[in-house]
PDB file of N, CA and C in Angstrom:
ATOM      1  N   MET A   1      15.447 -56.107 -67.215  1.00  0.00           N
ATOM      2  CA  MET A   1      16.147 -55.287 -65.779  1.00  0.00           C
ATOM      3  C   MET A   1      15.644 -53.445 -65.547  1.00  0.00           C
ATOM      4  N   ASN A   2      15.293 -53.520 -64.796  1.00  0.00           N
ATOM      5  CA  ASN A   2      15.245 -51.537 -64.246  1.00  0.00           C
ATOM      6  C   ASN A   2      16.228 -50.984 -64.068  1.00  0.00           C
ATOM      7  N   LEU A   3      16.760 -50.149 -64.437  1.00  0.00           N
ATOM      8  CA  LEU A   3      18.465 -49.695 -63.992  1.00  0.00           C
ATOM      9  C   LEU A   3      17.558 -48.361 -63.805  1.00  0.00           C
ATOM     10  N   THR A   4      18.133 -47.673 -62.335  1.00  0.00           N
ATOM     11  CA  THR A   4      17.401 -46.394 -62.258  1.00  0.00           C
ATOM     12  C   THR A   4      18.439 -46.045 -61.497  1.00  0.00           C
ATOM     13  N   ILE A   5      19.780 -44.963 -62.170  1.00  0.00           N
ATOM     14  CA  ILE A   5      20.659 -44.351 -61.751  1.00  0.00           C
ATOM     15  C   ILE A   5      20.827 -42.791 -61.392  1.00  0.00           C
ATOM     16  N   SER A   6      20.739 -42.397 -60.070  1.00  0.00           N
ATOM     17  CA  SER A   6      20.488 -41.041 -59.827  1.00  0.00           C
ATOM     18  C   SER A   6      21.710 -40.679 -58.810  1.00  0.00           C
ATOM     19  N   GLY A   7      22.000 -39.044 -58.872  1.00  0.00           N
ATOM     20  CA  GLY A   7      23.020 -38.497 -58.367  1.00  0.00           C
ATOM     21  C   GLY A   7      22.460 -37.495 -57.174  1.00  0.00           C
ATOM     22  N   HIS A   8      23.376 -37.153 -56.239  1.00  0.00           N
ATOM     23  CA  HIS A   8      22.900 -36.461 -55.171  1.00  0.00           C
ATOM     24  C   HIS A   8      24.011 -35.718 -55.261  1.00  0.00           C
ATOM     25  N   HIS A   9      23.768 -34.415 -55.282  1.00  0.00           N
ATOM     26  CA  HIS A   9      24.841 -33.089 -55.196  1.00  0.00           C
ATOM     27  C   HIS A   9      25.781 -33.307 -56.374  1.00  0.00           C
ATOM     28  N   LEU A  10      25.084 -33.662 -57.395  1.00  0.00           N
ATOM     29  CA  LEU A  10      26.707 -34.002 -58.452  1.00  0.00           C
ATOM     30  C   LEU A  10      25.586 -34.655 -59.979  1.00  0.00           C
ATOM     31  N   GLU A  11      26.198 -34.182 -61.187  1.00  0.00           N
ATOM     32  CA  GLU A  11      25.356 -34.473 -62.498  1.00  0.00           C
ATOM     33  C   GLU A  11      26.151 -35.614 -62.992  1.00  0.00           C
ATOM     34  N   VAL A  12      24.839 -36.784 -63.028  1.00  0.00           N
ATOM     35  CA  VAL A  12      25.170 -38.184 -63.701  1.00  0.00           C
ATOM     36  C   VAL A  12      25.808 -37.872 -65.228  1.00  0.00           C
ATOM     37  N   THR A  13      26.284 -37.616 -65.777  1.00  0.00           N
ATOM     38  CA  THR A  13      27.214 -37.566 -66.851  1.00  0.00           C
ATOM     39  C   THR A  13      26.825 -38.868 -67.853  1.00  0.00           C
ATOM     40  N   PRO A  14      26.875 -38.659 -69.195  1.00  0.00           N
ATOM     41  CA  PRO A  14      26.800 -39.873 -69.763  1.00  0.00           C
ATOM     42  C   PRO A  14      27.943 -40.729 -69.562  1.00  0.00           C
ATOM     43  N   ALA A  15      28.969 -40.034 -69.428  1.00  0.00           N
ATOM     44  CA  ALA A  15      30.590 -41.309 -69.369  1.00  0.00           C
ATOM     45  C   ALA A  15      30.286 -42.007 -67.682  1.00  0.00           C
ATOM     46  N   LEU A  16      29.556 -41.291 -66.829  1.00  0.00           N
ATOM     47  CA  LEU A  16      29.211 -41.874 -65.413  1.00  0.00           C
ATOM     48  C   LEU A  16      28.678 -43.123 -65.465  1.00  0.00           C
ATOM     49  N   ARG A  17      27.282 -42.690 -66.375  1.00  0.00           N
ATOM     50  CA  ARG A  17      26.552 -43.156 -66.991  1.00  0.00           C
ATOM     51  C   ARG A  17      26.710 -44.396 -67.470  1.00  0.00           C
ATOM     52  N   ASN A  18      27.713 -44.693 -68.633  1.00  0.00           N
ATOM     53  CA  ASN A  18      27.938 -45.501 -69.287  1.00  0.00           C
ATOM     54  C   ASN A  18      29.028 -46.573 -68.093  1.00  0.00           C
ATOM     55  N   TYR A  19      30.045 -45.841 -67.853  1.00  0.00           N
ATOM     56  CA  TYR A  19      30.823 -46.420 -66.955  1.00  0.00           C
ATOM     57  C   TYR A  19      29.891 -47.565 -65.904  1.00  0.00           C
ATOM     58  N   VAL A  20      28.822 -46.947 -65.243  1.00  0.00           N
ATOM     59  CA  VAL A  20      27.788 -47.685 -64.211  1.00  0.00           C
ATOM     60  C   VAL A  20      27.213 -49.242 -64.934  1.00  0.00           C
ATOM     61  N   THR A  21      27.244 -48.883 -65.918  1.00  0.00           N
ATOM     62  CA  THR A  21      25.900 -49.542 -66.318  1.00  0.00           C
ATOM     63  C   THR A  21      27.184 -50.862 -66.904  1.00  0.00           C
ATOM     64  N   THR A  22      28.583 -50.443 -67.519  1.00  0.00           N
ATOM     65  CA  THR A  22      29.202 -51.653 -67.919  1.00  0.00           C
ATOM     66  C   THR A  22      29.987 -52.646 -66.934  1.00  0.00           C
ATOM     67  N   LYS A  23      30.032 -51.740 -65.488  1.00  0.00           N
ATOM     68  CA  LYS A  23      30.273 -52.551 -64.352  1.00  0.00           C
ATOM     69  C   LYS A  23      29.045 -53.419 -63.813  1.00  0.00           C
ATOM     70  N   LEU A  24      27.711 -52.528 -64.151  1.00  0.00           N
ATOM     71  CA  LEU A  24      27.084 -53.771 -63.612  1.00  0.00           C
ATOM     72  C   LEU A  24      26.543 -54.727 -64.769  1.00  0.00           C
ATOM     73  N   ASP A  25      26.983 -54.992 -65.681  1.00  0.00           N
ATOM     74  CA  ASP A  25      26.845 -56.064 -66.213  1.00  0.00           C
ATOM     75  C   ASP A  25      27.744 -57.222 -65.688  1.00  0.00           C
ATOM     76  N   ARG A  26      28.960 -56.970 -64.607  1.00  0.00           N
ATOM     77  CA  ARG A  26      29.373 -58.254 -64.624  1.00  0.00           C
ATOM     78  C   ARG A  26      28.302 -58.741 -63.131  1.00  0.00           C
ATOM     79  N   ILE A  27      27.630 -57.985 -63.121  1.00  0.00           N
ATOM     80  CA  ILE A  27      26.477 -58.550 -62.079  1.00  0.00           C
ATOM     81  C   ILE A  27      25.088 -59.597 -62.183  1.00  0.00           C
ATOM     82  N   THR A  28      24.718 -58.464 -63.390  1.00  0.00           N
ATOM     83  CA  THR A  28      23.845 -59.310 -64.063  1.00  0.00           C
ATOM     84  C   THR A  28      23.860 -60.816 -64.923  1.00  0.00           C
ATOM     85  N   ARG A  29      25.315 -60.906 -65.220  1.00  0.00           N
ATOM     86  CA  ARG A  29      25.801 -62.184 -65.813  1.00  0.00           C
ATOM     87  C   ARG A  29      25.583 -63.144 -64.578  1.00  0.00           C
ATOM     88  N   HIS A  30      25.509 -63.071 -63.453  1.00  0.00           N
ATOM     89  CA  HIS A  30      25.395 -64.036 -62.629  1.00  0.00           C
ATOM     90  C   HIS A  30      24.196 -64.483 -62.253  1.00  0.00           C
ATOM     91  N   PHE A  31      23.054 -63.924 -62.809  1.00  0.00           N
ATOM     92  CA  PHE A  31      21.452 -64.000 -61.928  1.00  0.00           C
ATOM     93  C   PHE A  31      20.865 -62.831 -62.439  1.00  0.00           C
ATOM     94  N   GLU A  32      19.340 -63.575 -62.434  1.00  0.00           N
ATOM     95  CA  GLU A  32      18.307 -62.647 -63.191  1.00  0.00           C
ATOM     96  C   GLU A  32      18.084 -61.315 -62.395  1.00  0.00           C
ATOM     97  N   VAL A  33      18.079 -60.415 -62.440  1.00  0.00           N
ATOM     98  CA  VAL A  33      18.263 -59.400 -61.631  1.00  0.00           C
ATOM     99  C   VAL A  33      16.876 -58.744 -61.883  1.00  0.00           C
ATOM    100  N   ASP A  34      15.885 -58.101 -61.119  1.00  0.00           N
ATOM    101  CA  ASP A  34      14.820 -57.471 -61.870  1.00  0.00           C
ATOM    102  C   ASP A  34      15.169 -56.109 -61.758  1.00  0.00           C
ATOM    103  N   SER A  35      15.281 -55.526 -60.804  1.00  0.00           N
ATOM    104  CA  SER A  35      15.910 -54.154 -60.768  1.00  0.00           C
ATOM    105  C   SER A  35      16.875 -53.557 -59.807  1.00  0.00           C
ATOM    106  N   ILE A  36      17.726 -52.477 -60.415  1.00  0.00           N
ATOM    107  CA  ILE A  36      19.067 -51.867 -59.711  1.00  0.00           C
ATOM    108  C   ILE A  36      18.621 -50.523 -59.619  1.00  0.00           C
ATOM    109  N   ARG A  37      18.838 -49.868 -58.122  1.00  0.00           N
ATOM    110  CA  ARG A  37      18.775 -48.852 -58.025  1.00  0.00           C
ATOM    111  C   ARG A  37      19.819 -48.366 -57.339  1.00  0.00           C
ATOM    112  N   VAL A  38      20.641 -47.157 -58.574  1.00  0.00           N
ATOM    113  CA  VAL A  38      22.113 -46.658 -57.948  1.00  0.00           C
ATOM    114  C   VAL A  38      22.165 -45.493 -57.671  1.00  0.00           C
ATOM    115  N   LEU A  39      22.332 -44.733 -56.643  1.00  0.00           N
ATOM    116  CA  LEU A  39      22.659 -43.465 -56.009  1.00  0.00           C
ATOM    117  C   LEU A  39      24.064 -43.148 -55.465  1.00  0.00           C
ATOM    118  N   LEU A  40      24.580 -42.476 -56.541  1.00  0.00           N
ATOM    119  CA  LEU A  40      25.713 -41.379 -56.472  1.00  0.00           C
ATOM    120  C   LEU A  40      25.428 -40.494 -55.428  1.00  0.00           C
ATOM    121  N   THR A  41      26.374 -39.981 -54.593  1.00  0.00           N
ATOM    122  CA  THR A  41      26.656 -39.007 -54.288  1.00  0.00           C
ATOM    123  C   THR A  41      27.458 -38.347 -53.819  1.00  0.00           C
ATOM    124  N   VAL A  42      28.173 -36.788 -53.218  1.00  0.00           N
ATOM    125  CA  VAL A  42      29.125 -36.026 -53.136  1.00  0.00           C
ATOM    126  C   VAL A  42      28.792 -35.383 -51.389  1.00  0.00           C
ATOM    127  N   GLU A  43      29.476 -35.982 -50.374  1.00  0.00           N
ATOM    128  CA  GLU A  43      28.964 -35.652 -49.221  1.00  0.00           C
ATOM    129  C   GLU A  43      29.774 -34.488 -49.031  1.00  0.00           C
ATOM    130  N   LYS A  44      29.195 -33.301 -48.141  1.00  0.00           N
ATOM    131  CA  LYS A  44      30.371 -31.772 -48.441  1.00  0.00           C
ATOM    132  C   LYS A  44      30.578 -32.228 -46.820  1.00  0.00           C
ATOM    133  N   GLN A  45      30.479 -32.781 -45.709  1.00  0.00           N
ATOM    134  CA  GLN A  45      30.875 -32.406 -44.384  1.00  0.00           C
ATOM    135  C   GLN A  45      31.299 -32.981 -44.407  1.00  0.00           C
ATOM    136  N   LYS A  46      31.925 -34.908 -45.082  1.00  0.00           N
ATOM    137  CA  LYS A  46      32.611 -35.738 -44.752  1.00  0.00           C
ATOM    138  C   LYS A  46      34.038 -35.242 -44.594  1.00  0.00           C
ATOM    139  N   GLU A  47      34.921 -36.275 -43.922  1.00  0.00           N
ATOM    140  CA  GLU A  47      36.657 -35.483 -44.472  1.00  0.00           C
ATOM    141  C   GLU A  47      36.836 -36.021 -46.062  1.00  0.00           C
ATOM    142  N   PRO A  48      37.958 -35.353 -46.112  1.00  0.00           N
ATOM    143  CA  PRO A  48      37.475 -35.580 -48.241  1.00  0.00           C
ATOM    144  C   PRO A  48      38.261 -36.916 -48.457  1.00  0.00           C
ATOM    145  N   GLU A  49      39.097 -37.688 -47.894  1.00  0.00           N
ATOM    146  CA  GLU A  49      39.207 -39.464 -48.483  1.00  0.00           C
ATOM    147  C   GLU A  49      37.900 -39.917 -48.962  1.00  0.00           C
ATOM    148  N   ARG A  50      36.843 -39.456 -47.595  1.00  0.00           N
ATOM    149  CA  ARG A  50      35.504 -40.486 -47.799  1.00  0.00           C
ATOM    150  C   ARG A  50      34.173 -39.397 -48.219  1.00  0.00           C
ATOM    151  N   ARG A  51      34.511 -38.704 -49.293  1.00  0.00           N
ATOM    152  CA  ARG A  51      33.477 -38.294 -49.662  1.00  0.00           C
ATOM    153  C   ARG A  51      32.672 -38.390 -51.177  1.00  0.00           C
ATOM    154  N   GLN A  52      33.255 -39.252 -51.558  1.00  0.00           N
ATOM    155  CA  GLN A  52      32.495 -39.950 -52.973  1.00  0.00           C
ATOM    156  C   GLN A  52      31.853 -41.116 -52.442  1.00  0.00           C
ATOM    157  N   ARG A  53      30.476 -41.365 -52.344  1.00  0.00           N
ATOM    158  CA  ARG A  53      30.050 -42.641 -51.942  1.00  0.00           C
ATOM    159  C   ARG A  53      29.038 -42.685 -52.969  1.00  0.00           C
ATOM    160  N   ALA A  54      29.256 -44.288 -53.146  1.00  0.00           N
ATOM    161  CA  ALA A  54      28.124 -44.625 -53.904  1.00  0.00           C
ATOM    162  C   ALA A  54      26.924 -46.049 -53.278  1.00  0.00           C
ATOM    163  N   GLU A  55      25.911 -45.831 -53.478  1.00  0.00           N
ATOM    164  CA  GLU A  55      24.990 -46.958 -53.258  1.00  0.00           C
ATOM    165  C   GLU A  55      24.364 -47.798 -54.351  1.00  0.00           C
ATOM    166  N   CYS A  56      24.086 -49.077 -54.282  1.00  0.00           N
ATOM    167  CA  CYS A  56      23.291 -49.996 -55.175  1.00  0.00           C
ATOM    168  C   CYS A  56      22.310 -50.656 -53.864  1.00  0.00           C
ATOM    169  N   MET A  57      21.006 -50.678 -54.700  1.00  0.00           N
ATOM    170  CA  MET A  57      19.973 -51.743 -53.948  1.00  0.00           C
ATOM    171  C   MET A  57      19.969 -52.662 -55.232  1.00  0.00           C
ATOM    172  N   ILE A  58      20.171 -53.640 -55.333  1.00  0.00           N
ATOM    173  CA  ILE A  58      19.381 -54.735 -56.262  1.00  0.00           C
ATOM    174  C   ILE A  58      18.052 -55.513 -55.815  1.00  0.00           C
ATOM    175  N   HIS A  59      16.958 -55.659 -56.429  1.00  0.00           N
ATOM    176  CA  HIS A  59      16.481 -57.010 -56.222  1.00  0.00           C
ATOM    177  C   HIS A  59      16.902 -57.825 -57.387  1.00  0.00           C
ATOM    178  N   VAL A  60      16.484 -58.987 -56.431  1.00  0.00           N
ATOM    179  CA  VAL A  60      16.664 -60.030 -57.181  1.00  0.00           C
ATOM    180  C   VAL A  60      15.123 -60.737 -56.963  1.00  0.00           C
ATOM    181  N   LYS A  61      15.217 -62.369 -57.359  1.00  0.00           N
ATOM    182  CA  LYS A  61      13.924 -63.135 -57.050  1.00  0.00           C
ATOM    183  C   LYS A  61      14.092 -63.874 -55.631  1.00  0.00           C
ATOM    184  N   GLY A  62      13.487 -63.120 -54.824  1.00  0.00           N
ATOM    185  CA  GLY A  62      12.940 -63.591 -53.336  1.00  0.00           C
ATOM    186  C   GLY A  62      14.277 -62.943 -52.581  1.00  0.00           C
ATOM    187  N   ASN A  63      14.997 -61.574 -52.425  1.00  0.00           N
ATOM    188  CA  ASN A  63      15.761 -60.990 -51.895  1.00  0.00           C
ATOM    189  C   ASN A  63      15.793 -59.579 -52.610  1.00  0.00           C
ATOM    190  N   ASP A  64      16.453 -58.499 -51.456  1.00  0.00           N
ATOM    191  CA  ASP A  64      17.059 -57.684 -51.702  1.00  0.00           C
ATOM    192  C   ASP A  64      18.418 -57.278 -51.088  1.00  0.00           C
ATOM    193  N   LEU A  65      19.265 -57.002 -52.242  1.00  0.00           N
ATOM    194  CA  LEU A  65      20.593 -56.545 -51.972  1.00  0.00           C
ATOM    195  C   LEU A  65      21.088 -55.607 -51.685  1.00  0.00           C
ATOM    196  N   PHE A  66      21.968 -55.271 -50.928  1.00  0.00           N
ATOM    197  CA  PHE A  66      22.544 -53.762 -50.702  1.00  0.00           C
ATOM    198  C   PHE A  66      23.373 -53.762 -49.989  1.00  0.00           C
ATOM    199  N   ALA A  67      24.205 -52.497 -51.002  1.00  0.00           N
ATOM    200  CA  ALA A  67      25.781 -52.477 -50.440  1.00  0.00           C
ATOM    201  C   ALA A  67      26.124 -50.936 -51.135  1.00  0.00           C
ATOM    202  N   GLU A  68      26.875 -50.433 -50.222  1.00  0.00           N
ATOM    203  CA  GLU A  68      27.297 -48.378 -50.234  1.00  0.00           C
ATOM    204  C   GLU A  68      28.953 -49.410 -50.026  1.00  0.00           C
ATOM    205  N   SER A  69      29.733 -47.597 -50.777  1.00  0.00           N
ATOM    206  CA  SER A  69      31.047 -47.815 -50.847  1.00  0.00           C
ATOM    207  C   SER A  69      31.387 -46.417 -50.381  1.00  0.00           C
ATOM    208  N   SER A  70      32.313 -45.969 -49.666  1.00  0.00           N
ATOM    209  CA  SER A  70      32.776 -44.092 -50.021  1.00  0.00           C
ATOM    210  C   SER A  70      34.122 -44.454 -50.230  1.00  0.00           C
ATOM    211  N   HIS A  71      34.755 -43.443 -51.124  1.00  0.00           N
ATOM    212  CA  HIS A  71      36.199 -43.309 -51.270  1.00  0.00           C
ATOM    213  C   HIS A  71      36.542 -41.528 -51.685  1.00  0.00           C
ATOM    214  N   HIS A  72      37.538 -41.589 -52.245  1.00  0.00           N
ATOM    215  CA  HIS A  72      37.831 -40.077 -52.516  1.00  0.00           C
ATOM    216  C   HIS A  72      37.853 -39.972 -53.743  1.00  0.00           C
ATOM    217  N   ASP A  73      37.682 -40.957 -54.399  1.00  0.00           N
ATOM    218  CA  ASP A  73      37.490 -41.094 -55.856  1.00  0.00           C
ATOM    219  C   ASP A  73      35.927 -41.858 -56.193  1.00  0.00           C
ATOM    220  N   LEU A  74      34.927 -41.307 -57.445  1.00  0.00           N
ATOM    221  CA  LEU A  74      33.950 -41.660 -57.593  1.00  0.00           C
ATOM    222  C   LEU A  74      33.426 -43.242 -58.045  1.00  0.00           C
ATOM    223  N   TYR A  75      34.968 -43.193 -59.045  1.00  0.00           N
ATOM    224  CA  TYR A  75      34.782 -44.292 -59.970  1.00  0.00           C
ATOM    225  C   TYR A  75      35.325 -45.524 -58.450  1.00  0.00           C
ATOM    226  N   ALA A  76      36.413 -45.472 -58.207  1.00  0.00           N
ATOM    227  CA  ALA A  76      36.845 -46.341 -57.198  1.00  0.00           C
ATOM    228  C   ALA A  76      35.876 -46.835 -56.094  1.00  0.00           C
ATOM    229  N   ALA A  77      35.051 -45.834 -55.475  1.00  0.00           N
ATOM    230  CA  ALA A  77      34.294 -46.259 -54.860  1.00  0.00           C
ATOM    231  C   ALA A  77      33.188 -47.010 -55.283  1.00  0.00           C
ATOM    232  N   PHE A  78      32.564 -46.496 -56.825  1.00  0.00           N
ATOM    233  CA  PHE A  78      31.571 -47.408 -57.777  1.00  0.00           C
ATOM    234  C   PHE A  78      32.631 -49.295 -57.532  1.00  0.00           C
ATOM    235  N   ASP A  79      33.555 -48.731 -58.228  1.00  0.00           N
ATOM    236  CA  ASP A  79      34.699 -50.490 -57.997  1.00  0.00           C
ATOM    237  C   ASP A  79      34.249 -51.601 -57.112  1.00  0.00           C
ATOM    238  N   GLU A  80      34.524 -50.479 -55.502  1.00  0.00           N
ATOM    239  CA  GLU A  80      34.552 -51.518 -54.248  1.00  0.00           C
ATOM    240  C   GLU A  80      33.034 -51.918 -53.870  1.00  0.00           C
ATOM    241  N   LEU A  81      32.396 -51.217 -55.022  1.00  0.00           N
ATOM    242  CA  LEU A  81      30.430 -51.566 -54.664  1.00  0.00           C
ATOM    243  C   LEU A  81      30.472 -52.863 -55.305  1.00  0.00           C
ATOM    244  N   VAL A  82      30.814 -52.595 -56.188  1.00  0.00           N
ATOM    245  CA  VAL A  82      30.602 -53.604 -57.786  1.00  0.00           C
ATOM    246  C   VAL A  82      31.147 -55.116 -56.632  1.00  0.00           C
ATOM    247  N   ASP A  83      32.078 -54.723 -56.162  1.00  0.00           N
ATOM    248  CA  ASP A  83      32.995 -56.231 -55.403  1.00  0.00           C
ATOM    249  C   ASP A  83      31.906 -56.588 -54.758  1.00  0.00           C
ATOM    250  N   LYS A  84      31.659 -55.773 -53.840  1.00  0.00           N
ATOM    251  CA  LYS A  84      30.896 -56.066 -53.123  1.00  0.00           C
ATOM    252  C   LYS A  84      29.433 -57.102 -53.431  1.00  0.00           C
ATOM    253  N   LEU A  85      29.095 -55.735 -54.491  1.00  0.00           N
ATOM    254  CA  LEU A  85      27.939 -56.775 -54.825  1.00  0.00           C
ATOM    255  C   LEU A  85      27.976 -58.053 -55.692  1.00  0.00           C
ATOM    256  N   ASP A  86      29.151 -58.225 -56.179  1.00  0.00           N
ATOM    257  CA  ASP A  86      29.300 -59.472 -56.797  1.00  0.00           C
ATOM    258  C   ASP A  86      29.586 -60.524 -55.748  1.00  0.00           C
ATOM    259  N   ARG A  87      30.111 -60.172 -54.564  1.00  0.00           N
ATOM    260  CA  ARG A  87      30.329 -61.517 -53.825  1.00  0.00           C
ATOM    261  C   ARG A  87      28.907 -61.681 -53.114  1.00  0.00           C
ATOM    262  N   GLN A  88      27.765 -60.554 -52.642  1.00  0.00           N
ATOM    263  CA  GLN A  88      26.950 -61.030 -52.632  1.00  0.00           C
ATOM    264  C   GLN A  88      25.766 -61.929 -53.432  1.00  0.00           C
ATOM    265  N   VAL A  89      26.028 -61.593 -54.582  1.00  0.00           N
ATOM    266  CA  VAL A  89      25.016 -62.040 -56.013  1.00  0.00           C
ATOM    267  C   VAL A  89      25.506 -63.789 -55.742  1.00  0.00           C
ATOM    268  N   GLY A  90      26.989 -63.671 -55.693  1.00  0.00           N
ATOM    269  CA  GLY A  90      27.033 -64.910 -55.949  1.00  0.00           C
ATOM    270  C   GLY A  90      26.659 -65.904 -54.623  1.00  0.00           C
ATOM    271  N   ARG A  91      26.859 -65.379 -53.200  1.00  0.00           N
ATOM    272  CA  ARG A  91      26.696 -66.147 -52.177  1.00  0.00           C
ATOM    273  C   ARG A  91      24.840 -66.700 -52.114  1.00  0.00           C
ATOM    274  N   HIS A  92      24.153 -65.392 -52.588  1.00  0.00           N
ATOM    275  CA  HIS A  92      22.546 -65.366 -53.116  1.00  0.00           C
ATOM    276  C   HIS A  92      22.436 -66.592 -53.766  1.00  0.00           C
ATOM    277  N   LYS A  93      23.105 -67.034 -55.291  1.00  0.00           N
ATOM    278  CA  LYS A  93      22.857 -68.021 -56.009  1.00  0.00           C
ATOM    279  C   LYS A  93      23.426 -69.085 -55.422  1.00  0.00           C
ATOM    280  N   THR A  94      24.422 -69.022 -54.718  1.00  0.00           N
ATOM    281  CA  THR A  94      24.459 -70.502 -53.971  1.00  0.00           C
ATOM    282  C   THR A  94      23.684 -71.251 -53.099  1.00  0.00           C
ATOM    283  N   ARG A  95      23.026 -69.779 -52.381  1.00  0.00           N
ATOM    284  CA  ARG A  95      22.027 -70.460 -51.335  1.00  0.00           C
ATOM    285  C   ARG A  95      20.734 -70.801 -52.221  1.00  0.00           C
ATOM    286  N   VAL A  96      20.574 -70.592 -53.419  1.00  0.00           N
ATOM    287  CA  VAL A  96      18.900 -70.507 -53.777  1.00  0.00           C
ATOM    288  C   VAL A  96      18.933 -71.589 -54.654  1.00  0.00           C
ATOM    289  N   GLN A  97      20.507 -71.801 -55.459  1.00  0.00           N
ATOM    290  CA  GLN A  97      20.377 -73.133 -56.288  1.00  0.00           C
ATOM    291  C   GLN A  97      19.802 -74.836 -55.479  1.00  0.00           C
ATOM    292  N   ASN A  98      19.365 -75.888 -56.191  1.00  0.00           N
ATOM    293  CA  ASN A  98      18.993 -77.063 -55.500  1.00  0.00           C
ATOM    294  C   ASN A  98      20.638 -78.118 -55.754  1.00  0.00           C
ATOM    295  N   HIS A  99      21.110 -78.236 -54.603  1.00  0.00           N
ATOM    296  CA  HIS A  99      21.879 -79.267 -54.409  1.00  0.00           C
ATOM    297  C   HIS A  99      21.922 -80.264 -54.555  1.00  0.00           C
ATOM    298  N   HIS A 100      20.752 -80.890 -54.046  1.00  0.00           N
ATOM    299  CA  HIS A 100      20.208 -82.175 -54.040  1.00  0.00           C
ATOM    300  C   HIS A 100      20.665 -83.096 -55.386  1.00  0.00           C
ATOM    301  N   HIS A 101      21.185 -84.648 -55.201  1.00  0.00           N
ATOM    302  CA  HIS A 101      21.491 -84.964 -56.460  1.00  0.00           C
ATOM    303  C   HIS A 101      20.444 -85.847 -56.408  1.00  0.00           C
ATOM    304  N   ALA A 102      20.307 -86.578 -57.538  1.00  0.00           N
ATOM    305  CA  ALA A 102      19.228 -87.491 -57.782  1.00  0.00           C
ATOM    306  C   ALA A 102      19.944 -88.672 -57.147  1.00  0.00           C
ATOM    307  N   ALA A 103      19.397 -89.764 -56.445  1.00  0.00           N
ATOM    308  CA  ALA A 103      19.241 -90.772 -55.931  1.00  0.00           C
ATOM    309  C   ALA A 103      20.034 -91.680 -57.178  1.00  0.00           C
ATOM    310  N   PRO A 104      21.053 -92.584 -56.618  1.00  0.00           N
ATOM    311  CA  PRO A 104      21.245 -93.301 -57.571  1.00  0.00           C
ATOM    312  C   PRO A 104      20.261 -94.603 -57.718  1.00  0.00           C
ATOM    313  N   LYS A 105      20.077 -95.202 -58.964  1.00  0.00           N
ATOM    314  CA  LYS A 105      19.214 -96.673 -59.685  1.00  0.00           C
ATOM    315  C   LYS A 105      19.551 -97.657 -58.705  1.00  0.00           C
ATOM    316  N   ARG A 106      18.544 -98.574 -58.301  1.00  0.00           N
ATOM    317  CA  ARG A 106      19.005 -99.796 -57.670  1.00  0.00           C
ATOM    318  C   ARG A 106      19.220-100.683 -58.447  1.00  0.00           C
ATOM    319  N   VAL A 107      20.175-101.451 -58.793  1.00  0.00           N
ATOM    320  CA  VAL A 107      20.592-102.982 -59.499  1.00  0.00           C
ATOM    321  C   VAL A 107      20.243-103.988 -58.526  1.00  0.00           C
ATOM    322  N   MET A 108      19.351-104.771 -59.638  1.00  0.00           N
ATOM    323  CA  MET A 108      19.040-106.453 -59.003  1.00  0.00           C
ATOM    324  C   MET A 108      19.737-107.125 -59.618  1.00  0.00           C
TER     325      MET A 108
END
């Protein structure tokens, strides 16, 4: 898995990087993930309650999943983002799985 964490108008500290990787473990246990790109930003022009923003792009086999979230706290924004991604990955997993059952054997 290729993980890229970048910050826009903020420095990605080791504590923040550790928090992001532990939260993304929740996503990777559901499905095999090829690459994850996380962008954490602080918007200067927006209202104070939506200034911290988190975006994530996940590449899984056959699809790309994207989610974004805004909040006044960056950690809360990333928690909301992980919840959204968890639902998307779960939906993608059920779509990809083979739901066909084996035909019952004939008894003669």
